[in-house]
Amino acid sequence: MLNEANFMAYVRKMHQLNEIAAKEMQTYIDKFGFDNMSQLVAEAEYIATKYGEGSSSLACLLYDYLAEQQGAKVPPAIPAPVATHDETWGAVQGALNEGAGKVANAVSRLVKQAGADTIQQNAARDRAEMAFVPVGQTCAFCMMLGSRGWESVSRNAKSHAAHIHANCDCQYIVRFNPSEGVAGYDPNKYKRIYYDADPGGSSKDKLNAMRRDLYAEQHNDDSST
């Protein structure tokens, strides 16, 4: 069982990498702006590679630690590739289409993606189980993914782990036998939230209802402070 202290230490380290990457990208933008797209993407690729390699390395350490703790006879974890030039260009261009303020977060997301991909790709190699563990005040879609619990990872899994976004500490975690897990992670809690949202509605209806509930809850908390 991955205890809460070790899990949160991993979350904090990943958060620091993502945050530093976003700050470095924003520092570049503040100094040079957006006039030179090639240079902008080159800087984004440099930052995404530098901190993405750190994210992959941390994920490898966690993966190997869990394998050892659970007695799994698997090879050492292999870091997933960081974002390619084309992927970085696409992320930057997509962020610019949404607004200039989104670019730093797009780079942060690429960093986080490397760690998530590392967990998924090694879990697929070893046919382990993986779960998406929500952390903190999370979004409706993260909660929905958390409700799915532990799932086997197919060797035909997509090259990128699903639903990675900036400003989010939720993490993919692996296990090697059904008796293991993450302390405090209860997929049934998120299942109840999901199924109670807009009973009888479609998946889209449920997610929209969850978003409305989260919005109301967060604004009620803000007004009480």
C-alpha atoms as a PDB file:
ATOM      1  CA  MET A   1       0.000   0.000   0.000  1.00  0.00           C
ATOM      2  CA  LEU A   2       1.348   3.394  -0.972  1.00  0.00           C
ATOM      3  CA  ASN A   3       0.918   5.430   2.186  1.00  0.00           C
ATOM      4  CA  GLU A   4      -0.376   8.973   2.145  1.00  0.00           C
ATOM      5  CA  ALA A   5       2.935  10.562   3.151  1.00  0.00           C
ATOM      6  CA  ASN A   6       4.868   8.972   0.282  1.00  0.00           C
ATOM      7  CA  PHE A   7       2.101   9.659  -2.213  1.00  0.00           C
ATOM      8  CA  MET A   8       1.859  13.325  -1.262  1.00  0.00           C
ATOM      9  CA  ALA A   9       5.664  13.678  -1.372  1.00  0.00           C
ATOM     10  CA  TYR A  10       5.484  12.452  -4.978  1.00  0.00           C
ATOM     11  CA  VAL A  11       2.619  14.858  -5.720  1.00  0.00           C
ATOM     12  CA  ARG A  12       4.577  17.801  -4.297  1.00  0.00           C
ATOM     13  CA  LYS A  13       7.707  17.017  -6.304  1.00  0.00           C
ATOM     14  CA  MET A  14       5.705  16.709  -9.510  1.00  0.00           C
ATOM     15  CA  HIS A  15       3.913  19.968  -8.694  1.00  0.00           C
ATOM     16  CA  GLN A  16       7.235  21.757  -8.220  1.00  0.00           C
ATOM     17  CA  LEU A  17       8.499  20.619 -11.626  1.00  0.00           C
ATOM     18  CA  ASN A  18       5.293  21.730 -13.342  1.00  0.00           C
ATOM     19  CA  GLU A  19       5.277  25.067 -11.534  1.00  0.00           C
ATOM     20  CA  ILE A  20       8.930  25.866 -12.272  1.00  0.00           C
ATOM     21  CA  ALA A  21       8.439  24.991 -15.946  1.00  0.00           C
ATOM     22  CA  ALA A  22       5.440  27.320 -16.198  1.00  0.00           C
ATOM     23  CA  LYS A  23       7.328  30.148 -14.447  1.00  0.00           C
ATOM     24  CA  GLU A  24      10.360  29.801 -16.717  1.00  0.00           C
ATOM     25  CA  MET A  25       8.153  29.868 -19.792  1.00  0.00           C
ATOM     26  CA  GLN A  26       6.322  32.936 -18.526  1.00  0.00           C
ATOM     27  CA  THR A  27       9.641  34.676 -17.784  1.00  0.00           C
ATOM     28  CA  TYR A  28      10.685  34.130 -21.401  1.00  0.00           C
ATOM     29  CA  ILE A  29       7.326  35.424 -22.669  1.00  0.00           C
ATOM     30  CA  ASP A  30       7.511  38.526 -20.481  1.00  0.00           C
ATOM     31  CA  LYS A  31      10.947  39.308 -21.917  1.00  0.00           C
ATOM     32  CA  PHE A  32      10.561  38.376 -25.586  1.00  0.00           C
ATOM     33  CA  GLY A  33       6.823  38.173 -26.239  1.00  0.00           C
ATOM     34  CA  PHE A  34       5.249  36.212 -29.094  1.00  0.00           C
ATOM     35  CA  ASP A  35       6.671  37.867 -32.209  1.00  0.00           C
ATOM     36  CA  ASN A  36       9.055  35.043 -33.118  1.00  0.00           C
ATOM     37  CA  MET A  37       7.111  31.773 -33.171  1.00  0.00           C
ATOM     38  CA  SER A  38      10.148  29.623 -33.952  1.00  0.00           C
ATOM     39  CA  GLN A  39      12.088  30.973 -30.975  1.00  0.00           C
ATOM     40  CA  LEU A  40       9.011  30.717 -28.748  1.00  0.00           C
ATOM     41  CA  VAL A  41       8.564  27.039 -29.618  1.00  0.00           C
ATOM     42  CA  ALA A  42      12.306  26.386 -29.255  1.00  0.00           C
ATOM     43  CA  GLU A  43      12.208  27.781 -25.707  1.00  0.00           C
ATOM     44  CA  ALA A  44       9.042  25.818 -24.905  1.00  0.00           C
ATOM     45  CA  GLU A  45      10.680  22.639 -26.210  1.00  0.00           C
ATOM     46  CA  TYR A  46      13.814  23.270 -24.150  1.00  0.00           C
ATOM     47  CA  ILE A  47      11.787  23.765 -20.957  1.00  0.00           C
ATOM     48  CA  ALA A  48       9.434  20.856 -21.667  1.00  0.00           C
ATOM     49  CA  THR A  49      12.427  18.577 -22.284  1.00  0.00           C
ATOM     50  CA  LYS A  50      14.387  19.736 -19.237  1.00  0.00           C
ATOM     51  CA  TYR A  51      11.559  19.331 -16.748  1.00  0.00           C
ATOM     52  CA  GLY A  52       9.785  16.557 -18.634  1.00  0.00           C
ATOM     53  CA  GLU A  53      12.875  14.387 -18.163  1.00  0.00           C
ATOM     54  CA  GLY A  54      12.660  15.169 -14.452  1.00  0.00           C
ATOM     55  CA  SER A  55       8.984  14.217 -14.421  1.00  0.00           C
ATOM     56  CA  SER A  56       9.735  10.914 -16.183  1.00  0.00           C
ATOM     57  CA  SER A  57      12.584  10.172 -13.782  1.00  0.00           C
ATOM     58  CA  LEU A  58      10.374  10.762 -10.745  1.00  0.00           C
ATOM     59  CA  ALA A  59       7.713   8.483 -12.219  1.00  0.00           C
ATOM     60  CA  CYS A  60      10.354   5.787 -12.780  1.00  0.00           C
ATOM     61  CA  LEU A  61      11.472   6.061  -9.160  1.00  0.00           C
ATOM     62  CA  LEU A  62       7.892   5.685  -7.955  1.00  0.00           C
ATOM     63  CA  TYR A  63       7.230   2.783 -10.315  1.00  0.00           C
ATOM     64  CA  ASP A  64      10.344   0.894  -9.205  1.00  0.00           C
ATOM     65  CA  TYR A  65       9.589   1.616  -5.539  1.00  0.00           C
ATOM     66  CA  LEU A  66       6.061   0.230  -5.861  1.00  0.00           C
ATOM     67  CA  ALA A  67       7.306  -2.826  -7.763  1.00  0.00           C
ATOM     68  CA  GLU A  68       9.856  -3.568  -5.047  1.00  0.00           C
ATOM     69  CA  GLN A  69       7.385  -2.970  -2.199  1.00  0.00           C
ATOM     70  CA  GLN A  70       4.824  -5.265  -3.817  1.00  0.00           C
ATOM     71  CA  GLY A  71       7.294  -7.995  -4.762  1.00  0.00           C
ATOM     72  CA  ALA A  72       6.725  -7.626  -8.511  1.00  0.00           C
ATOM     73  CA  LYS A  73       9.412  -9.240 -10.642  1.00  0.00           C
ATOM     74  CA  VAL A  74       9.490  -6.647 -13.419  1.00  0.00           C
ATOM     75  CA  PRO A  75      12.344  -4.861 -15.219  1.00  0.00           C
ATOM     76  CA  PRO A  76      13.308  -1.357 -14.106  1.00  0.00           C
ATOM     77  CA  ALA A  77      10.976   1.353 -15.372  1.00  0.00           C
ATOM     78  CA  ILE A  78      11.902   3.111 -18.609  1.00  0.00           C
ATOM     79  CA  PRO A  79      11.219   6.867 -18.876  1.00  0.00           C
ATOM     80  CA  ALA A  80       8.696   7.845 -21.519  1.00  0.00           C
ATOM     81  CA  PRO A  81       9.847  10.183 -24.297  1.00  0.00           C
ATOM     82  CA  VAL A  82       9.331  13.882 -23.682  1.00  0.00           C
ATOM     83  CA  ALA A  83       7.256  16.003 -26.054  1.00  0.00           C
ATOM     84  CA  THR A  84       8.489  16.085 -29.627  1.00  0.00           C
ATOM     85  CA  HIS A  85       9.096  19.296 -31.546  1.00  0.00           C
ATOM     86  CA  ASP A  86       5.813  18.870 -33.427  1.00  0.00           C
ATOM     87  CA  GLU A  87       3.890  18.160 -30.209  1.00  0.00           C
ATOM     88  CA  THR A  88       5.405  21.226 -28.562  1.00  0.00           C
ATOM     89  CA  TRP A  89       4.573  23.392 -31.569  1.00  0.00           C
ATOM     90  CA  GLY A  90       1.005  22.100 -31.529  1.00  0.00           C
ATOM     91  CA  ALA A  91       0.649  22.739 -27.798  1.00  0.00           C
ATOM     92  CA  VAL A  92       1.968  26.285 -28.096  1.00  0.00           C
ATOM     93  CA  GLN A  93      -0.160  27.075 -31.145  1.00  0.00           C
ATOM     94  CA  GLY A  94      -3.256  25.632 -29.477  1.00  0.00           C
ATOM     95  CA  ALA A  95      -2.593  27.688 -26.353  1.00  0.00           C
ATOM     96  CA  LEU A  96      -2.138  30.865 -28.406  1.00  0.00           C
ATOM     97  CA  ASN A  97      -5.462  30.201 -30.095  1.00  0.00           C
ATOM     98  CA  GLU A  98      -7.093  30.220 -26.644  1.00  0.00           C
ATOM     99  CA  GLY A  99      -5.187  33.251 -25.394  1.00  0.00           C
ATOM    100  CA  ALA A 100      -1.600  34.335 -24.820  1.00  0.00           C
ATOM    101  CA  GLY A 101      -1.887  33.638 -21.116  1.00  0.00           C
ATOM    102  CA  LYS A 102      -2.324  29.922 -21.772  1.00  0.00           C
ATOM    103  CA  VAL A 103       1.137  29.215 -23.183  1.00  0.00           C
ATOM    104  CA  ALA A 104       2.978  28.745 -19.886  1.00  0.00           C
ATOM    105  CA  ASN A 105       0.321  26.307 -18.713  1.00  0.00           C
ATOM    106  CA  ALA A 106       0.612  24.375 -21.982  1.00  0.00           C
ATOM    107  CA  VAL A 107       4.311  23.833 -21.327  1.00  0.00           C
ATOM    108  CA  SER A 108       3.555  22.766 -17.755  1.00  0.00           C
ATOM    109  CA  ARG A 109       1.083  20.223 -19.127  1.00  0.00           C
ATOM    110  CA  LEU A 110       3.754  18.761 -21.431  1.00  0.00           C
ATOM    111  CA  VAL A 111       5.993  18.281 -18.390  1.00  0.00           C
ATOM    112  CA  LYS A 112       3.271  16.494 -16.470  1.00  0.00           C
ATOM    113  CA  GLN A 113       2.438  14.388 -19.519  1.00  0.00           C
ATOM    114  CA  ALA A 114       5.922  12.844 -19.491  1.00  0.00           C
ATOM    115  CA  GLY A 115       5.432  11.495 -15.969  1.00  0.00           C
ATOM    116  CA  ALA A 116       1.944  10.168 -16.670  1.00  0.00           C
ATOM    117  CA  ASP A 117       3.131   8.523 -19.896  1.00  0.00           C
ATOM    118  CA  THR A 118       5.961   6.850 -17.984  1.00  0.00           C
ATOM    119  CA  ILE A 119       3.512   5.232 -15.569  1.00  0.00           C
ATOM    120  CA  GLN A 120       1.196   4.135 -18.381  1.00  0.00           C
ATOM    121  CA  GLN A 121       3.842   2.781 -20.736  1.00  0.00           C
ATOM    122  CA  ASN A 122       5.592   0.729 -18.065  1.00  0.00           C
ATOM    123  CA  ALA A 123       2.265  -0.529 -16.710  1.00  0.00           C
ATOM    124  CA  ALA A 124       1.352  -1.614 -20.244  1.00  0.00           C
ATOM    125  CA  ARG A 125       4.693  -3.387 -20.618  1.00  0.00           C
ATOM    126  CA  ASP A 126       4.209  -5.259 -17.327  1.00  0.00           C
ATOM    127  CA  ARG A 127       0.427  -5.682 -17.623  1.00  0.00           C
ATOM    128  CA  ALA A 128      -0.057  -3.931 -14.312  1.00  0.00           C
ATOM    129  CA  GLU A 129      -3.120  -2.009 -13.153  1.00  0.00           C
ATOM    130  CA  MET A 130      -3.356   1.754 -13.143  1.00  0.00           C
ATOM    131  CA  ALA A 131      -5.690   4.238 -11.476  1.00  0.00           C
ATOM    132  CA  PHE A 132      -6.169   7.979 -11.759  1.00  0.00           C
ATOM    133  CA  VAL A 133      -6.034   9.357  -8.210  1.00  0.00           C
ATOM    134  CA  PRO A 134      -7.650  12.790  -7.698  1.00  0.00           C
ATOM    135  CA  VAL A 135      -5.807  15.184  -5.419  1.00  0.00           C
ATOM    136  CA  GLY A 136      -7.168  18.252  -3.688  1.00  0.00           C
ATOM    137  CA  GLN A 137      -9.891  20.462  -5.147  1.00  0.00           C
ATOM    138  CA  THR A 138     -10.131  18.776  -8.505  1.00  0.00           C
ATOM    139  CA  CYS A 139     -12.298  19.085 -11.607  1.00  0.00           C
ATOM    140  CA  ALA A 140     -15.343  17.030 -12.618  1.00  0.00           C
ATOM    141  CA  PHE A 141     -13.522  15.101 -15.326  1.00  0.00           C
ATOM    142  CA  CYS A 142     -10.697  14.138 -12.948  1.00  0.00           C
ATOM    143  CA  MET A 143     -13.318  12.915 -10.483  1.00  0.00           C
ATOM    144  CA  MET A 144     -14.973  10.865 -13.215  1.00  0.00           C
ATOM    145  CA  LEU A 145     -11.644   9.256 -14.110  1.00  0.00           C
ATOM    146  CA  GLY A 146     -11.015   8.601 -10.426  1.00  0.00           C
ATOM    147  CA  SER A 147     -14.359   6.790 -10.228  1.00  0.00           C
ATOM    148  CA  ARG A 148     -13.123   4.167 -12.703  1.00  0.00           C
ATOM    149  CA  GLY A 149     -10.802   2.671 -10.105  1.00  0.00           C
ATOM    150  CA  TRP A 150      -8.032   0.242 -10.976  1.00  0.00           C
ATOM    151  CA  GLU A 151      -7.901  -0.916 -14.586  1.00  0.00           C
ATOM    152  CA  SER A 152      -5.566  -3.205 -16.476  1.00  0.00           C
ATOM    153  CA  VAL A 153      -3.402  -1.390 -18.998  1.00  0.00           C
ATOM    154  CA  SER A 154      -3.448  -2.884 -22.458  1.00  0.00           C
ATOM    155  CA  ARG A 155      -0.227  -3.245 -24.418  1.00  0.00           C
ATOM    156  CA  ASN A 156      -2.129  -1.421 -27.130  1.00  0.00           C
ATOM    157  CA  ALA A 157      -2.633   1.619 -24.880  1.00  0.00           C
ATOM    158  CA  LYS A 158      -2.385   5.016 -26.556  1.00  0.00           C
ATOM    159  CA  SER A 159       1.046   6.618 -26.620  1.00  0.00           C
ATOM    160  CA  HIS A 160      -0.121   9.348 -24.226  1.00  0.00           C
ATOM    161  CA  ALA A 161      -1.960   8.924 -20.949  1.00  0.00           C
ATOM    162  CA  ALA A 162      -5.411  10.491 -21.146  1.00  0.00           C
ATOM    163  CA  HIS A 163      -6.622  13.789 -19.659  1.00  0.00           C
ATOM    164  CA  ILE A 164      -3.530  15.620 -18.483  1.00  0.00           C
ATOM    165  CA  HIS A 165      -3.963  19.320 -17.835  1.00  0.00           C
ATOM    166  CA  ALA A 166      -2.083  22.109 -16.106  1.00  0.00           C
ATOM    167  CA  ASN A 167      -2.852  23.350 -12.590  1.00  0.00           C
ATOM    168  CA  CYS A 168      -3.797  19.826 -11.498  1.00  0.00           C
ATOM    169  CA  ASP A 169      -2.041  17.559  -8.996  1.00  0.00           C
ATOM    170  CA  CYS A 170      -4.022  14.387  -9.789  1.00  0.00           C
ATOM    171  CA  GLN A 171      -1.748  11.471 -10.629  1.00  0.00           C
ATOM    172  CA  TYR A 172      -1.750   8.106 -12.370  1.00  0.00           C
ATOM    173  CA  ILE A 173      -0.553   5.379  -9.993  1.00  0.00           C
ATOM    174  CA  VAL A 174       0.280   1.728 -10.675  1.00  0.00           C
ATOM    175  CA  ARG A 175      -0.167  -1.478  -8.700  1.00  0.00           C
ATOM    176  CA  PHE A 176       0.923  -5.051  -9.315  1.00  0.00           C
ATOM    177  CA  ASN A 177      -1.680  -7.034  -7.391  1.00  0.00           C
ATOM    178  CA  PRO A 178      -5.310  -6.406  -6.377  1.00  0.00           C
ATOM    179  CA  SER A 179      -4.579  -6.213  -2.650  1.00  0.00           C
ATOM    180  CA  GLU A 180      -2.531  -3.040  -3.091  1.00  0.00           C
ATOM    181  CA  GLY A 181      -3.608   0.565  -3.576  1.00  0.00           C
ATOM    182  CA  VAL A 182      -3.108   4.138  -2.407  1.00  0.00           C
ATOM    183  CA  ALA A 183      -4.048   5.123   1.116  1.00  0.00           C
ATOM    184  CA  GLY A 184      -7.085   7.407   1.047  1.00  0.00           C
ATOM    185  CA  TYR A 185      -8.025   6.678  -2.562  1.00  0.00           C
ATOM    186  CA  ASP A 186     -11.626   5.448  -2.678  1.00  0.00           C
ATOM    187  CA  PRO A 187     -12.996   5.090  -6.218  1.00  0.00           C
ATOM    188  CA  ASN A 188     -16.452   4.323  -4.792  1.00  0.00           C
ATOM    189  CA  LYS A 189     -16.558   7.840  -3.359  1.00  0.00           C
ATOM    190  CA  TYR A 190     -16.161   9.272  -6.851  1.00  0.00           C
ATOM    191  CA  LYS A 191     -18.593   6.725  -8.320  1.00  0.00           C
ATOM    192  CA  ARG A 192     -21.287   7.927  -5.925  1.00  0.00           C
ATOM    193  CA  ILE A 193     -20.637  11.548  -6.898  1.00  0.00           C
ATOM    194  CA  TYR A 194     -20.755  10.642 -10.591  1.00  0.00           C
ATOM    195  CA  TYR A 195     -23.897   8.508 -10.490  1.00  0.00           C
ATOM    196  CA  ASP A 196     -25.745  10.897  -8.178  1.00  0.00           C
ATOM    197  CA  ALA A 197     -25.136  13.776 -10.585  1.00  0.00           C
ATOM    198  CA  ASP A 198     -28.144  14.221 -12.886  1.00  0.00           C
ATOM    199  CA  PRO A 199     -29.596  10.701 -12.340  1.00  0.00           C
ATOM    200  CA  GLY A 200     -30.656   9.187 -15.620  1.00  0.00           C
ATOM    201  CA  GLY A 201     -28.676  11.698 -17.622  1.00  0.00           C
ATOM    202  CA  SER A 202     -25.953  10.947 -20.156  1.00  0.00           C
ATOM    203  CA  SER A 203     -22.270  10.991 -19.274  1.00  0.00           C
ATOM    204  CA  LYS A 204     -22.087  14.554 -20.619  1.00  0.00           C
ATOM    205  CA  ASP A 205     -25.108  15.565 -18.514  1.00  0.00           C
ATOM    206  CA  LYS A 206     -23.495  14.091 -15.406  1.00  0.00           C
ATOM    207  CA  LEU A 207     -20.207  15.874 -15.972  1.00  0.00           C
ATOM    208  CA  ASN A 208     -21.993  19.190 -16.515  1.00  0.00           C
ATOM    209  CA  ALA A 209     -23.985  18.652 -13.318  1.00  0.00           C
ATOM    210  CA  MET A 210     -20.772  17.881 -11.419  1.00  0.00           C
ATOM    211  CA  ARG A 211     -19.181  21.041 -12.795  1.00  0.00           C
ATOM    212  CA  ARG A 212     -22.164  23.113 -11.635  1.00  0.00           C
ATOM    213  CA  ASP A 213     -22.021  21.529  -8.173  1.00  0.00           C
ATOM    214  CA  LEU A 214     -18.269  22.131  -7.890  1.00  0.00           C
ATOM    215  CA  TYR A 215     -18.678  25.738  -9.050  1.00  0.00           C
ATOM    216  CA  ALA A 216     -21.397  26.366  -6.472  1.00  0.00           C
ATOM    217  CA  GLU A 217     -19.377  24.694  -3.724  1.00  0.00           C
ATOM    218  CA  GLN A 218     -16.223  26.670  -4.498  1.00  0.00           C
ATOM    219  CA  HIS A 219     -18.076  29.982  -4.664  1.00  0.00           C
ATOM    220  CA  ASN A 220     -19.856  29.256  -1.392  1.00  0.00           C
ATOM    221  CA  ASP A 221     -16.447  28.607   0.181  1.00  0.00           C
ATOM    222  CA  ASP A 222     -15.125  31.896  -1.242  1.00  0.00           C
ATOM    223  CA  SER A 223     -18.066  33.882   0.107  1.00  0.00           C
ATOM    224  CA  SER A 224     -17.668  32.424   3.595  1.00  0.00           C
ATOM    225  CA  THR A 225     -14.028  33.546   3.926  1.00  0.00           C
END
